[in-house]
Amino acid sequence: MRRGFYAVVVCLLFGVFSCTEPKEHIAPAVNEKDSVAMMTTYGINMLISDSGVIKYRIVSERCINNQNVNPKRTIFDKGVFLTQFDEKHHVQAYIQADTAYKYDELRLMELRGRVRILSKDGLKFRGEELFWDQNKHEYYSNKYSYMETPERTLEGNYFRSDENMRKYYVFNTKGSFEKSDIVGEDTTTNTAKNDSTAPPVRQAERPRQKR
C-alpha cells in the first residue's frame, strides 16, 4: 500500500516539474530615445582647454554624461565649482552653482540654482540663472541678477557681460551709481547702462543641436 502511495506522489511531482519551463527575468529593451546616462563619474576635478590653452577647472561631486538626448550634455547635478583662467593661466574668476549643464557641441554652459561669481577685480555676481556662451565669449541671464563692485551695486532683470566681467549691461536696473555713470564722464572703465541705453532684451537661447 505504501509503495503504491509513493509511486503516485513521485509521478505527480515528475509531472509538475516536467511541465514547468524556466522563465528568464529580462528587463525591456532600452529605447534609443530614453535619456539613459552613458557614464556617471564621482569626485570630478578636471581641466578644460581650448586651442591648447587651459580655460577653466571644474570640481564637482558627480558628473553625468548623457549622449542620448538632443543636444548631448554633461550634467553636474550635485553642485559645481569652476575656476576660470586667462591666457597666462592667472585666475580670472571663481564660479559656483547648484547645477550645471555643459553642451560641448554648442560650446555653451548653463548654470542654475544659486549662481555666484567672484572676479579678480572684486566684482560679485549672484542670480538663479547664467549662460556662458564660449563662442561669443560672454555671459548672459534673463532672470533677476545682483551685482556688486567696489564702487557700486546693481540689480536688474537682464544681465550681459564679457568673459572678463569688465564690460557689462544690466537692464531694468536699480542700485547705487557714481556720478560718472550718470553724466558719462567715465568711458574707459566698467559700464552700467540704464533702461534708455541698454540693448534690447535678449531672449534666452535654449540649447539646440547643430545641423
Protein backbone atom coordinates (compact mmCIF):
# COMPACT_ATOMS: atom_id res chain seq x y z
CA MET A 1 0.00 0.00 0.00
CA ARG A 2 2.81 2.38 0.90
CA ARG A 3 4.69 1.54 -2.29
CA GLY A 4 1.63 2.47 -4.34
CA PHE A 5 1.25 5.77 -2.47
CA TYR A 6 4.89 6.74 -3.01
CA ALA A 7 4.63 5.83 -6.66
CA VAL A 8 1.66 8.14 -7.10
CA VAL A 9 3.49 11.04 -5.35
CA VAL A 10 6.59 10.57 -7.49
CA CYS A 11 4.52 10.55 -10.66
CA LEU A 12 2.71 13.74 -9.65
CA LEU A 13 5.94 15.57 -8.80
CA PHE A 14 7.56 14.43 -12.01
CA GLY A 15 4.57 15.69 -13.98
CA VAL A 16 4.61 19.10 -12.28
CA PHE A 17 8.33 19.76 -12.83
CA SER A 18 8.32 18.39 -16.33
CA CYS A 19 5.53 20.77 -17.39
CA THR A 20 7.07 23.88 -15.77
CA GLU A 21 9.60 25.60 -18.03
CA PRO A 22 12.14 28.04 -16.56
CA LYS A 23 11.49 31.74 -17.33
CA GLU A 24 14.17 34.36 -17.77
CA HIS A 25 13.57 37.63 -15.97
CA ILE A 26 14.76 40.20 -18.51
CA ALA A 27 14.03 43.93 -18.41
CA PRO A 28 12.52 45.52 -21.53
CA ALA A 29 14.93 46.82 -24.13
CA VAL A 30 16.14 50.38 -23.75
CA ASN A 31 14.69 52.64 -26.41
CA GLU A 32 17.12 54.92 -28.26
CA LYS A 33 15.06 57.91 -27.19
CA ASP A 34 15.43 57.11 -23.49
CA SER A 35 17.68 59.54 -21.67
CA VAL A 36 19.96 56.96 -20.08
CA ALA A 37 23.31 58.22 -18.88
CA MET A 38 26.26 56.86 -20.79
CA MET A 39 28.60 57.31 -17.84
CA THR A 40 28.39 58.61 -14.26
CA THR A 41 31.57 59.77 -12.55
CA TYR A 42 32.09 60.80 -8.93
CA GLY A 43 34.65 63.18 -7.49
CA ILE A 44 35.40 65.31 -10.57
CA ASN A 45 38.45 67.56 -10.77
CA MET A 46 39.33 68.26 -14.39
CA LEU A 47 40.91 70.94 -16.55
CA ILE A 48 39.22 72.17 -19.75
CA SER A 49 41.38 73.56 -22.55
CA ASP A 50 40.62 75.44 -25.75
CA SER A 51 43.15 75.52 -28.63
CA GLY A 52 45.82 74.20 -26.30
CA VAL A 53 45.16 76.84 -23.62
CA ILE A 54 43.68 75.86 -20.26
CA LYS A 55 40.46 77.85 -19.88
CA TYR A 56 38.96 76.61 -16.62
CA ARG A 57 38.86 73.88 -13.98
CA ILE A 58 35.71 72.03 -12.93
CA VAL A 59 35.27 70.49 -9.48
CA SER A 60 32.07 68.58 -8.78
CA GLU A 61 30.76 65.73 -6.66
CA ARG A 62 29.01 63.98 -9.54
CA CYS A 63 29.15 64.18 -13.35
CA ILE A 64 26.54 62.53 -15.63
CA ASN A 65 27.44 62.16 -19.29
CA ASN A 66 24.25 61.89 -21.33
CA GLN A 67 24.64 61.21 -25.05
CA ASN A 68 21.07 60.01 -25.68
CA VAL A 69 19.38 63.41 -25.62
CA ASN A 70 19.43 66.26 -28.10
CA PRO A 71 21.62 68.18 -27.65
CA LYS A 72 24.12 65.95 -25.88
CA ARG A 73 25.10 67.20 -22.46
CA THR A 74 27.13 66.67 -19.33
CA ILE A 75 25.21 67.31 -16.11
CA PHE A 76 26.71 68.34 -12.79
CA ASP A 77 23.70 67.85 -10.53
CA LYS A 78 25.46 67.86 -7.15
CA GLY A 79 26.89 71.36 -7.43
CA VAL A 80 29.83 72.66 -9.41
CA PHE A 81 32.79 74.95 -8.74
CA LEU A 82 34.70 76.47 -11.67
CA THR A 83 37.96 78.37 -11.74
CA GLN A 84 38.40 80.46 -14.87
CA PHE A 85 41.90 81.28 -16.15
CA ASP A 86 43.22 83.88 -18.56
CA GLU A 87 45.73 83.19 -21.33
CA LYS A 88 48.62 83.42 -18.86
CA HIS A 89 47.00 80.86 -16.54
CA HIS A 90 46.16 83.52 -13.96
CA VAL A 91 42.88 83.13 -12.09
CA GLN A 92 40.24 85.27 -13.78
CA ALA A 93 37.17 84.36 -11.74
CA TYR A 94 35.55 81.80 -9.45
CA ILE A 95 32.12 80.49 -10.43
CA GLN A 96 29.76 78.38 -8.32
CA ALA A 97 26.28 76.93 -8.99
CA ASP A 98 23.91 74.28 -7.65
CA THR A 99 23.52 72.64 -11.07
CA ALA A 100 25.33 72.98 -14.38
CA TYR A 101 24.69 71.68 -17.91
CA LYS A 102 27.65 71.58 -20.27
CA TYR A 103 26.89 71.34 -24.01
CA ASP A 104 30.18 70.51 -25.70
CA GLU A 105 28.91 70.66 -29.29
CA LEU A 106 27.33 74.07 -28.71
CA ARG A 107 30.19 75.35 -26.54
CA LEU A 108 27.60 76.51 -24.04
CA MET A 109 27.32 76.10 -20.28
CA GLU A 110 24.07 76.63 -18.38
CA LEU A 111 24.27 77.36 -14.65
CA ARG A 112 21.21 77.01 -12.43
CA GLY A 113 20.29 77.46 -8.78
CA ARG A 114 22.43 79.62 -6.55
CA VAL A 115 24.86 81.04 -9.10
CA ARG A 116 27.78 83.01 -7.68
CA ILE A 117 30.76 84.70 -9.39
CA LEU A 118 33.76 86.45 -7.89
CA SER A 119 36.13 88.07 -10.38
CA LYS A 120 39.75 89.06 -9.80
CA ASP A 121 38.67 92.73 -9.93
CA GLY A 122 36.37 92.24 -6.95
CA LEU A 123 33.09 92.03 -8.88
CA LYS A 124 30.48 89.84 -7.19
CA PHE A 125 27.52 88.39 -9.09
CA ARG A 126 24.61 86.35 -7.83
CA GLY A 127 21.47 85.08 -9.52
CA GLU A 128 19.42 81.98 -10.28
CA GLU A 129 20.49 81.57 -13.91
CA LEU A 130 23.53 82.24 -16.01
CA PHE A 131 24.54 81.15 -19.52
CA TRP A 132 28.17 81.07 -20.60
CA ASP A 133 28.45 81.28 -24.39
CA GLN A 134 32.02 80.30 -25.23
CA ASN A 135 31.52 81.05 -28.94
CA LYS A 136 30.68 84.70 -28.25
CA HIS A 137 32.82 84.86 -25.10
CA GLU A 138 30.06 86.29 -22.96
CA TYR A 139 27.74 85.65 -20.01
CA TYR A 140 24.05 86.46 -20.03
CA SER A 141 20.94 85.94 -17.93
CA ASN A 142 17.26 86.81 -18.35
CA LYS A 143 16.41 86.47 -14.68
CA TYR A 144 16.95 88.70 -11.68
CA SER A 145 20.65 89.34 -11.12
CA TYR A 146 22.52 91.21 -8.41
CA MET A 147 25.99 92.61 -8.96
CA GLU A 148 28.36 94.36 -6.61
CA THR A 149 31.67 96.08 -7.37
CA PRO A 150 33.99 98.06 -5.08
CA GLU A 151 32.33 101.26 -6.41
CA ARG A 152 28.66 100.40 -6.93
CA THR A 153 25.82 97.90 -6.65
CA LEU A 154 23.41 96.97 -9.43
CA GLU A 155 20.39 94.71 -9.78
CA GLY A 156 18.04 94.06 -12.67
CA ASN A 157 16.14 91.51 -14.74
CA TYR A 158 18.63 91.19 -17.60
CA PHE A 159 22.38 90.76 -17.40
CA ARG A 160 25.05 90.53 -20.07
CA SER A 161 28.82 90.66 -19.77
CA ASP A 162 32.04 89.70 -21.46
CA GLU A 163 34.05 86.77 -20.09
CA ASN A 164 36.32 89.11 -18.14
CA MET A 165 33.38 90.75 -16.33
CA ARG A 166 34.72 94.19 -17.28
CA LYS A 167 32.05 95.33 -19.74
CA TYR A 168 28.55 94.54 -18.60
CA TYR A 169 24.95 95.62 -19.06
CA VAL A 170 22.06 95.42 -16.61
CA PHE A 171 18.51 96.08 -17.82
CA ASN A 172 15.70 97.46 -15.59
CA THR A 173 18.36 98.47 -13.10
CA LYS A 174 18.26 99.90 -9.65
CA GLY A 175 21.06 100.44 -7.18
CA SER A 176 23.80 102.89 -6.32
CA PHE A 177 25.78 104.70 -9.04
CA GLU A 178 28.72 107.01 -9.25
CA LYS A 179 28.28 110.48 -10.76
CA SER A 180 30.38 109.47 -13.75
CA ASP A 181 27.84 106.76 -14.57
CA ILE A 182 25.12 109.38 -14.95
CA VAL A 183 26.93 112.12 -16.87
CA GLY A 184 29.04 109.75 -18.96
CA GLU A 185 32.47 111.01 -17.85
CA ASP A 186 33.93 107.56 -17.37
CA THR A 187 34.31 105.85 -20.76
CA THR A 188 37.24 103.52 -20.04
CA THR A 189 36.05 101.54 -17.04
CA ASN A 190 33.13 99.20 -16.44
CA THR A 191 29.87 100.39 -17.98
CA ALA A 192 26.39 100.01 -16.46
CA LYS A 193 23.54 101.02 -18.76
CA ASN A 194 20.12 102.25 -17.69
CA ASP A 195 16.82 101.40 -19.40
CA SER A 196 17.14 104.02 -22.15
CA THR A 197 20.59 102.98 -23.34
CA ALA A 198 20.67 99.27 -22.60
CA PRO A 199 20.49 96.87 -25.56
CA PRO A 200 17.14 95.19 -26.25
CA VAL A 201 16.30 92.24 -24.04
CA ARG A 202 17.90 89.10 -25.39
CA GLN A 203 15.72 86.02 -25.22
CA ALA A 204 17.20 83.01 -23.53
CA GLU A 205 18.96 80.83 -26.09
CA ARG A 206 17.88 77.32 -25.30
CA PRO A 207 20.44 74.70 -26.29
CA ARG A 208 19.79 73.27 -29.74
CA GLN A 209 21.63 70.66 -31.73
CA LYS A 210 23.81 71.93 -34.57
CA ARG A 211 22.87 70.83 -38.10
